[in-house]
Amino acid sequence: MMCLKIQTLTRGCARGFLTLFAILAISFLVSGCIVGGVRTVYVSPGNPVRIRKEVKAKVWVADKDGKWVQSTMVIPEGWYALSDPKK
């Protein structure tokens, strides 16, 4: 009689655990889809991208002699960025 109760209790616990796990997994997946989870978009090389938010960036600029020098600048929202065609 005691073994029967333990087996029933163990099966009930396992079933409850699996049910809880399934509910949590489904709610986690659905919340990511509904709330707007992270989305990655691949941009192939050579295609322009538009800057969405102002960003401070390290850039290369040409000086008065045409020599490339390191600099930093704030790239404003709405500007387009392109890859270097030489590379």
Protein backbone atom coordinates (compact mmCIF):
# COMPACT_ATOMS: atom_id res chain seq x y z
CA MET A 1 0.00 0.00 0.00
CA MET A 2 2.83 2.38 0.88
CA CYS A 3 4.64 1.70 -2.44
CA LEU A 4 1.50 2.54 -4.38
CA LYS A 5 1.20 5.93 -2.66
CA ILE A 6 4.88 6.77 -3.31
CA GLN A 7 4.60 5.82 -6.99
CA THR A 8 1.43 7.89 -7.37
CA LEU A 9 3.07 10.85 -5.62
CA THR A 10 6.20 10.57 -7.82
CA ARG A 11 4.17 10.41 -11.02
CA GLY A 12 2.09 13.39 -9.90
CA CYS A 13 5.20 15.42 -9.09
CA ALA A 14 6.80 14.56 -12.42
CA ARG A 15 3.62 15.43 -14.31
CA GLY A 16 3.32 18.72 -12.39
CA PHE A 17 6.95 19.59 -13.06
CA LEU A 18 6.60 18.89 -16.78
CA THR A 19 3.41 20.93 -16.96
CA LEU A 20 5.04 23.85 -15.16
CA PHE A 21 8.11 23.60 -17.40
CA ALA A 22 5.94 23.56 -20.54
CA ILE A 23 3.95 26.60 -19.39
CA LEU A 24 7.10 28.56 -18.55
CA ALA A 25 8.80 27.63 -21.83
CA ILE A 26 5.78 28.61 -23.92
CA SER A 27 5.28 31.89 -22.06
CA PHE A 28 8.97 32.74 -22.45
CA LEU A 29 8.89 32.09 -26.20
CA VAL A 30 5.63 33.94 -26.73
CA SER A 31 6.72 36.95 -24.69
CA GLY A 32 9.84 37.27 -26.83
CA CYS A 33 7.78 37.24 -30.01
CA ILE A 34 5.01 39.56 -28.82
CA VAL A 35 7.10 42.11 -26.92
CA GLY A 36 9.48 42.50 -29.84
CA GLY A 37 12.50 40.38 -29.14
CA VAL A 38 15.91 41.17 -30.56
CA ARG A 39 16.01 40.95 -34.33
CA THR A 40 19.20 40.68 -36.34
CA VAL A 41 19.30 41.86 -39.93
CA TYR A 42 22.23 40.94 -42.16
CA VAL A 43 23.47 43.73 -44.41
CA SER A 44 25.72 42.50 -47.17
CA PRO A 45 29.00 44.36 -47.77
CA GLY A 46 28.70 47.41 -49.99
CA ASN A 47 25.11 48.22 -49.06
CA PRO A 48 24.45 51.50 -47.24
CA VAL A 49 22.93 51.63 -43.77
CA ARG A 50 21.12 54.62 -42.29
CA ILE A 51 22.16 55.76 -38.81
CA ARG A 52 19.10 55.46 -36.55
CA LYS A 53 20.45 57.19 -33.44
CA GLU A 54 23.26 59.71 -33.03
CA VAL A 55 26.51 57.85 -32.33
CA LYS A 56 30.06 58.85 -31.39
CA ALA A 57 32.47 56.94 -33.64
CA LYS A 58 36.15 56.57 -34.40
CA VAL A 59 36.71 57.52 -38.03
CA TRP A 60 39.43 58.06 -40.62
CA VAL A 61 39.49 61.50 -42.27
CA ALA A 62 41.73 63.01 -44.92
CA ASP A 63 43.83 66.01 -43.86
CA LYS A 64 44.74 68.93 -46.16
CA ASP A 65 47.52 66.84 -47.80
CA GLY A 66 45.17 63.92 -48.49
CA LYS A 67 46.77 61.77 -45.80
CA TRP A 68 44.40 59.63 -43.71
CA VAL A 69 44.42 60.44 -39.97
CA GLN A 70 42.48 59.05 -37.03
CA SER A 71 39.71 61.13 -35.52
CA THR A 72 36.42 60.90 -33.64
CA MET A 73 33.12 62.47 -34.55
CA VAL A 74 29.46 62.39 -33.72
CA ILE A 75 27.53 60.90 -36.63
CA PRO A 76 24.04 62.43 -36.62
CA GLU A 77 20.80 60.53 -36.96
CA GLY A 78 19.74 60.08 -40.58
CA TRP A 79 23.21 59.95 -42.13
CA TYR A 80 24.18 56.98 -44.29
CA ALA A 81 27.22 54.80 -43.72
CA LEU A 82 29.01 52.78 -46.42
CA SER A 83 31.87 50.33 -46.37
CA ASP A 84 35.20 51.23 -47.94
CA PRO A 85 35.07 50.10 -51.59
CA LYS A 86 38.85 49.52 -51.62
CA LYS A 87 38.63 46.70 -49.06
